[in-house]
Amino acid sequence: MQILVEVKDSKADFLMELLRSLKFVRAKRLTASKAEFLDELGSSVESVKRAKAGKLSLRDAREVADEL
């Protein structure tokens, strides 16, 4: 299982040391670009969930193409 945890920069080194001391945990830092990608992906998933639930109205492809 993979878990994404957000931690204050000032506590990151401590947490990484703690996690690496556990033999059953493999921990590594994310690059800034990967962290940004995961944030955007999470936002996209939430948008899809809201659209499926009818809480977000979407435009059809024809409307988008007309804007171009």
PDB file of N, CA and C in Angstrom:
ATOM      1  N   MET A   1       0.845  -1.171   0.000  1.00  0.00           N
ATOM      2  CA  MET A   1       0.000   0.000   0.000  1.00  0.00           C
ATOM      3  C   MET A   1       0.890   1.235   0.000  1.00  0.00           C
ATOM      4  N   GLN A   2       0.436   2.239  -0.702  1.00  0.00           N
ATOM      5  CA  GLN A   2       1.164   3.498  -0.730  1.00  0.00           C
ATOM      6  C   GLN A   2       0.332   4.556  -0.034  1.00  0.00           C
ATOM      7  N   ILE A   3       1.026   5.416   0.705  1.00  0.00           N
ATOM      8  CA  ILE A   3       0.370   6.493   1.443  1.00  0.00           C
ATOM      9  C   ILE A   3       1.128   7.778   1.155  1.00  0.00           C
ATOM     10  N   LEU A   4       0.405   8.829   0.868  1.00  0.00           N
ATOM     11  CA  LEU A   4       1.006  10.143   0.655  1.00  0.00           C
ATOM     12  C   LEU A   4       0.744  10.975   1.900  1.00  0.00           C
ATOM     13  N   VAL A   5       1.790  11.522   2.485  1.00  0.00           N
ATOM     14  CA  VAL A   5       1.686  12.303   3.715  1.00  0.00           C
ATOM     15  C   VAL A   5       2.280  13.679   3.483  1.00  0.00           C
ATOM     16  N   GLU A   6       1.556  14.718   3.875  1.00  0.00           N
ATOM     17  CA  GLU A   6       2.093  16.078   3.799  1.00  0.00           C
ATOM     18  C   GLU A   6       2.595  16.478   5.176  1.00  0.00           C
ATOM     19  N   VAL A   7       3.813  17.021   5.201  1.00  0.00           N
ATOM     20  CA  VAL A   7       4.462  17.386   6.457  1.00  0.00           C
ATOM     21  C   VAL A   7       5.117  18.753   6.288  1.00  0.00           C
ATOM     22  N   LYS A   8       5.134  19.529   7.358  1.00  0.00           N
ATOM     23  CA  LYS A   8       5.843  20.808   7.319  1.00  0.00           C
ATOM     24  C   LYS A   8       7.310  20.548   7.007  1.00  0.00           C
ATOM     25  N   ASP A   9       7.911  21.450   6.237  1.00  0.00           N
ATOM     26  CA  ASP A   9       9.319  21.300   5.870  1.00  0.00           C
ATOM     27  C   ASP A   9      10.209  21.140   7.095  1.00  0.00           C
ATOM     28  N   SER A  10       9.889  21.839   8.158  1.00  0.00           N
ATOM     29  CA  SER A  10      10.726  21.796   9.362  1.00  0.00           C
ATOM     30  C   SER A  10      10.700  20.430  10.041  1.00  0.00           C
ATOM     31  N   LYS A  11       9.689  19.608   9.763  1.00  0.00           N
ATOM     32  CA  LYS A  11       9.569  18.286  10.395  1.00  0.00           C
ATOM     33  C   LYS A  11       9.874  17.136   9.436  1.00  0.00           C
ATOM     34  N   ALA A  12      10.141  17.444   8.169  1.00  0.00           N
ATOM     35  CA  ALA A  12      10.324  16.409   7.155  1.00  0.00           C
ATOM     36  C   ALA A  12      11.513  15.499   7.446  1.00  0.00           C
ATOM     37  N   ASP A  13      12.642  16.071   7.812  1.00  0.00           N
ATOM     38  CA  ASP A  13      13.829  15.251   8.081  1.00  0.00           C
ATOM     39  C   ASP A  13      13.579  14.284   9.228  1.00  0.00           C
ATOM     40  N   PHE A  14      12.932  14.749  10.278  1.00  0.00           N
ATOM     41  CA  PHE A  14      12.623  13.890  11.420  1.00  0.00           C
ATOM     42  C   PHE A  14      11.730  12.732  10.998  1.00  0.00           C
ATOM     43  N   LEU A  15      10.673  13.036  10.243  1.00  0.00           N
ATOM     44  CA  LEU A  15       9.736  12.003   9.826  1.00  0.00           C
ATOM     45  C   LEU A  15      10.413  10.990   8.905  1.00  0.00           C
ATOM     46  N   MET A  16      11.219  11.455   7.966  1.00  0.00           N
ATOM     47  CA  MET A  16      11.916  10.538   7.068  1.00  0.00           C
ATOM     48  C   MET A  16      12.853   9.618   7.850  1.00  0.00           C
ATOM     49  N   GLU A  17      13.554  10.160   8.817  1.00  0.00           N
ATOM     50  CA  GLU A  17      14.441   9.336   9.638  1.00  0.00           C
ATOM     51  C   GLU A  17      13.635   8.284  10.397  1.00  0.00           C
ATOM     52  N   LEU A  18      12.512   8.693  10.941  1.00  0.00           N
ATOM     53  CA  LEU A  18      11.655   7.773  11.683  1.00  0.00           C
ATOM     54  C   LEU A  18      11.137   6.662  10.771  1.00  0.00           C
ATOM     55  N   LEU A  19      10.641   7.023   9.606  1.00  0.00           N
ATOM     56  CA  LEU A  19      10.106   6.026   8.680  1.00  0.00           C
ATOM     57  C   LEU A  19      11.181   5.063   8.194  1.00  0.00           C
ATOM     58  N   ARG A  20      12.348   5.583   7.916  1.00  0.00           N
ATOM     59  CA  ARG A  20      13.440   4.720   7.433  1.00  0.00           C
ATOM     60  C   ARG A  20      13.946   3.769   8.514  1.00  0.00           C
ATOM     61  N   SER A  21      13.694   4.084   9.772  1.00  0.00           N
ATOM     62  CA  SER A  21      14.119   3.196  10.858  1.00  0.00           C
ATOM     63  C   SER A  21      13.205   1.971  10.988  1.00  0.00           C
ATOM     64  N   LEU A  22      12.050   2.023  10.354  1.00  0.00           N
ATOM     65  CA  LEU A  22      11.119   0.904  10.378  1.00  0.00           C
ATOM     66  C   LEU A  22      11.426  -0.027   9.207  1.00  0.00           C
ATOM     67  N   LYS A  23      11.713  -1.289   9.507  1.00  0.00           N
ATOM     68  CA  LYS A  23      12.140  -2.226   8.467  1.00  0.00           C
ATOM     69  C   LYS A  23      11.042  -2.524   7.452  1.00  0.00           C
ATOM     70  N   PHE A  24       9.794  -2.374   7.825  1.00  0.00           N
ATOM     71  CA  PHE A  24       8.691  -2.703   6.930  1.00  0.00           C
ATOM     72  C   PHE A  24       8.224  -1.519   6.092  1.00  0.00           C
ATOM     73  N   VAL A  25       8.917  -0.371   6.196  1.00  0.00           N
ATOM     74  CA  VAL A  25       8.531   0.831   5.460  1.00  0.00           C
ATOM     75  C   VAL A  25       9.652   1.210   4.496  1.00  0.00           C
ATOM     76  N   ARG A  26       9.267   1.538   3.277  1.00  0.00           N
ATOM     77  CA  ARG A  26      10.209   2.067   2.301  1.00  0.00           C
ATOM     78  C   ARG A  26       9.759   3.499   2.020  1.00  0.00           C
ATOM     79  N   ALA A  27      10.551   4.478   2.391  1.00  0.00           N
ATOM     80  CA  ALA A  27      10.167   5.886   2.267  1.00  0.00           C
ATOM     81  C   ALA A  27      11.117   6.613   1.326  1.00  0.00           C
ATOM     82  N   LYS A  28      10.540   7.494   0.508  1.00  0.00           N
ATOM     83  CA  LYS A  28      11.367   8.339  -0.347  1.00  0.00           C
ATOM     84  C   LYS A  28      10.655   9.674  -0.527  1.00  0.00           C
ATOM     85  N   ARG A  29      11.424  10.714  -0.762  1.00  0.00           N
ATOM     86  CA  ARG A  29      10.872  12.054  -0.961  1.00  0.00           C
ATOM     87  C   ARG A  29      10.389  12.202  -2.399  1.00  0.00           C
ATOM     88  N   LEU A  30       9.340  12.968  -2.561  1.00  0.00           N
ATOM     89  CA  LEU A  30       8.851  13.298  -3.891  1.00  0.00           C
ATOM     90  C   LEU A  30       9.539  14.563  -4.379  1.00  0.00           C
ATOM     91  N   THR A  31       9.791  14.619  -5.665  1.00  0.00           N
ATOM     92  CA  THR A  31      10.301  15.864  -6.229  1.00  0.00           C
ATOM     93  C   THR A  31       9.151  16.865  -6.268  1.00  0.00           C
ATOM     94  N   ALA A  32       9.465  18.107  -6.405  1.00  0.00           N
ATOM     95  CA  ALA A  32       8.438  19.146  -6.442  1.00  0.00           C
ATOM     96  C   ALA A  32       7.486  18.936  -7.614  1.00  0.00           C
ATOM     97  N   SER A  33       8.026  18.519  -8.752  1.00  0.00           N
ATOM     98  CA  SER A  33       7.168  18.319  -9.927  1.00  0.00           C
ATOM     99  C   SER A  33       6.228  17.132  -9.729  1.00  0.00           C
ATOM    100  N   LYS A  34       6.688  16.064  -9.096  1.00  0.00           N
ATOM    101  CA  LYS A  34       5.816  14.917  -8.836  1.00  0.00           C
ATOM    102  C   LYS A  34       4.743  15.271  -7.809  1.00  0.00           C
ATOM    103  N   ALA A  35       5.117  16.030  -6.806  1.00  0.00           N
ATOM    104  CA  ALA A  35       4.139  16.447  -5.795  1.00  0.00           C
ATOM    105  C   ALA A  35       3.069  17.333  -6.430  1.00  0.00           C
ATOM    106  N   GLU A  36       3.476  18.235  -7.310  1.00  0.00           N
ATOM    107  CA  GLU A  36       2.520  19.106  -8.000  1.00  0.00           C
ATOM    108  C   GLU A  36       1.596  18.282  -8.894  1.00  0.00           C
ATOM    109  N   PHE A  37       2.164  17.303  -9.600  1.00  0.00           N
ATOM    110  CA  PHE A  37       1.367  16.434 -10.456  1.00  0.00           C
ATOM    111  C   PHE A  37       0.316  15.693  -9.635  1.00  0.00           C
ATOM    112  N   LEU A  38       0.707  15.142  -8.491  1.00  0.00           N
ATOM    113  CA  LEU A  38      -0.239  14.407  -7.646  1.00  0.00           C
ATOM    114  C   LEU A  38      -1.335  15.321  -7.111  1.00  0.00           C
ATOM    115  N   ASP A  39      -0.996  16.554  -6.762  1.00  0.00           N
ATOM    116  CA  ASP A  39      -2.014  17.515  -6.325  1.00  0.00           C
ATOM    117  C   ASP A  39      -3.026  17.793  -7.438  1.00  0.00           C
ATOM    118  N   GLU A  40      -2.519  18.016  -8.640  1.00  0.00           N
ATOM    119  CA  GLU A  40      -3.402  18.294  -9.776  1.00  0.00           C
ATOM    120  C   GLU A  40      -4.250  17.076 -10.125  1.00  0.00           C
ATOM    121  N   LEU A  41      -3.661  15.893 -10.034  1.00  0.00           N
ATOM    122  CA  LEU A  41      -4.397  14.671 -10.310  1.00  0.00           C
ATOM    123  C   LEU A  41      -5.523  14.487  -9.294  1.00  0.00           C
ATOM    124  N   GLY A  42      -5.231  14.748  -8.040  1.00  0.00           N
ATOM    125  CA  GLY A  42      -6.255  14.647  -7.003  1.00  0.00           C
ATOM    126  C   GLY A  42      -7.396  15.622  -7.241  1.00  0.00           C
ATOM    127  N   SER A  43      -7.063  16.830  -7.651  1.00  0.00           N
ATOM    128  CA  SER A  43      -8.096  17.825  -7.974  1.00  0.00           C
ATOM    129  C   SER A  43      -8.952  17.364  -9.145  1.00  0.00           C
ATOM    130  N   SER A  44      -8.318  16.768 -10.130  1.00  0.00           N
ATOM    131  CA  SER A  44      -9.052  16.275 -11.293  1.00  0.00           C
ATOM    132  C   SER A  44     -10.006  15.148 -10.905  1.00  0.00           C
ATOM    133  N   VAL A  45      -9.545  14.256 -10.072  1.00  0.00           N
ATOM    134  CA  VAL A  45     -10.400  13.152  -9.618  1.00  0.00           C
ATOM    135  C   VAL A  45     -11.604  13.698  -8.851  1.00  0.00           C
ATOM    136  N   GLU A  46     -11.380  14.682  -8.006  1.00  0.00           N
ATOM    137  CA  GLU A  46     -12.492  15.288  -7.262  1.00  0.00           C
ATOM    138  C   GLU A  46     -13.484  15.957  -8.216  1.00  0.00           C
ATOM    139  N   SER A  47     -12.989  16.602  -9.264  1.00  0.00           N
ATOM    140  CA  SER A  47     -13.871  17.235 -10.248  1.00  0.00           C
ATOM    141  C   SER A  47     -14.729  16.191 -10.960  1.00  0.00           C
ATOM    142  N   VAL A  48     -14.133  15.064 -11.315  1.00  0.00           N
ATOM    143  CA  VAL A  48     -14.882  13.995 -11.970  1.00  0.00           C
ATOM    144  C   VAL A  48     -15.961  13.453 -11.030  1.00  0.00           C
ATOM    145  N   LYS A  49     -15.609  13.263  -9.768  1.00  0.00           N
ATOM    146  CA  LYS A  49     -16.591  12.775  -8.795  1.00  0.00           C
ATOM    147  C   LYS A  49     -17.753  13.745  -8.649  1.00  0.00           C
ATOM    148  N   ARG A  50     -17.454  15.051  -8.590  1.00  0.00           N
ATOM    149  CA  ARG A  50     -18.517  16.057  -8.469  1.00  0.00           C
ATOM    150  C   ARG A  50     -19.389  16.075  -9.722  1.00  0.00           C
ATOM    151  N   ALA A  51     -18.761  15.923 -10.897  1.00  0.00           N
ATOM    152  CA  ALA A  51     -19.522  15.920 -12.148  1.00  0.00           C
ATOM    153  C   ALA A  51     -20.445  14.705 -12.211  1.00  0.00           C
ATOM    154  N   LYS A  52     -19.952  13.545 -11.800  1.00  0.00           N
ATOM    155  CA  LYS A  52     -20.780  12.339 -11.804  1.00  0.00           C
ATOM    156  C   LYS A  52     -21.944  12.460 -10.831  1.00  0.00           C
ATOM    157  N   ALA A  53     -21.717  13.164  -9.726  1.00  0.00           N
ATOM    158  CA  ALA A  53     -22.772  13.343  -8.727  1.00  0.00           C
ATOM    159  C   ALA A  53     -23.744  14.460  -9.116  1.00  0.00           C
ATOM    160  N   GLY A  54     -23.466  15.146 -10.229  1.00  0.00           N
ATOM    161  CA  GLY A  54     -24.339  16.215 -10.688  1.00  0.00           C
ATOM    162  C   GLY A  54     -24.125  17.534  -9.972  1.00  0.00           C
ATOM    163  N   LYS A  55     -23.030  17.661  -9.262  1.00  0.00           N
ATOM    164  CA  LYS A  55     -22.741  18.885  -8.518  1.00  0.00           C
ATOM    165  C   LYS A  55     -21.863  19.855  -9.315  1.00  0.00           C
ATOM    166  N   LEU A  56     -21.458  19.438 -10.511  1.00  0.00           N
ATOM    167  CA  LEU A  56     -20.593  20.262 -11.351  1.00  0.00           C
ATOM    168  C   LEU A  56     -21.083  20.130 -12.786  1.00  0.00           C
ATOM    169  N   SER A  57     -21.375  21.247 -13.411  1.00  0.00           N
ATOM    170  CA  SER A  57     -21.837  21.186 -14.803  1.00  0.00           C
ATOM    171  C   SER A  57     -20.632  21.282 -15.732  1.00  0.00           C
ATOM    172  N   LEU A  58     -20.653  20.460 -16.753  1.00  0.00           N
ATOM    173  CA  LEU A  58     -19.546  20.412 -17.707  1.00  0.00           C
ATOM    174  C   LEU A  58     -20.013  20.904 -19.069  1.00  0.00           C
ATOM    175  N   ARG A  59     -19.072  21.421 -19.843  1.00  0.00           N
ATOM    176  CA  ARG A  59     -19.366  21.834 -21.209  1.00  0.00           C
ATOM    177  C   ARG A  59     -19.099  20.649 -22.133  1.00  0.00           C
ATOM    178  N   ASP A  60     -19.835  20.582 -23.233  1.00  0.00           N
ATOM    179  CA  ASP A  60     -19.560  19.502 -24.169  1.00  0.00           C
ATOM    180  C   ASP A  60     -18.418  19.902 -25.104  1.00  0.00           C
ATOM    181  N   ALA A  61     -17.916  18.946 -25.845  1.00  0.00           N
ATOM    182  CA  ALA A  61     -16.744  19.163 -26.701  1.00  0.00           C
ATOM    183  C   ALA A  61     -17.019  20.219 -27.771  1.00  0.00           C
ATOM    184  N   ARG A  62     -18.257  20.292 -28.250  1.00  0.00           N
ATOM    185  CA  ARG A  62     -18.585  21.267 -29.290  1.00  0.00           C
ATOM    186  C   ARG A  62     -18.412  22.699 -28.760  1.00  0.00           C
ATOM    187  N   GLU A  63     -18.824  22.954 -27.523  1.00  0.00           N
ATOM    188  CA  GLU A  63     -18.662  24.290 -26.929  1.00  0.00           C
ATOM    189  C   GLU A  63     -17.187  24.653 -26.809  1.00  0.00           C
ATOM    190  N   VAL A  64     -16.384  23.703 -26.399  1.00  0.00           N
ATOM    191  CA  VAL A  64     -14.945  23.956 -26.263  1.00  0.00           C
ATOM    192  C   VAL A  64     -14.334  24.227 -27.631  1.00  0.00           C
ATOM    193  N   ALA A  65     -14.721  23.438 -28.633  1.00  0.00           N
ATOM    194  CA  ALA A  65     -14.172  23.619 -29.973  1.00  0.00           C
ATOM    195  C   ALA A  65     -14.583  24.965 -30.552  1.00  0.00           C
ATOM    196  N   ASP A  66     -15.799  25.406 -30.267  1.00  0.00           N
ATOM    197  CA  ASP A  66     -16.259  26.716 -30.769  1.00  0.00           C
ATOM    198  C   ASP A  66     -15.425  27.862 -30.206  1.00  0.00           C
ATOM    199  N   GLU A  67     -14.910  27.707 -28.997  1.00  0.00           N
ATOM    200  CA  GLU A  67     -14.074  28.758 -28.401  1.00  0.00           C
ATOM    201  C   GLU A  67     -12.731  28.876 -29.097  1.00  0.00           C
ATOM    202  N   LEU A  68     -12.266  27.795 -29.668  1.00  0.00           N
ATOM    203  CA  LEU A  68     -10.972  27.807 -30.342  1.00  0.00           C
ATOM    204  C   LEU A  68     -11.136  28.435 -31.691  1.00  0.00           C
TER     205      LEU A  68
END
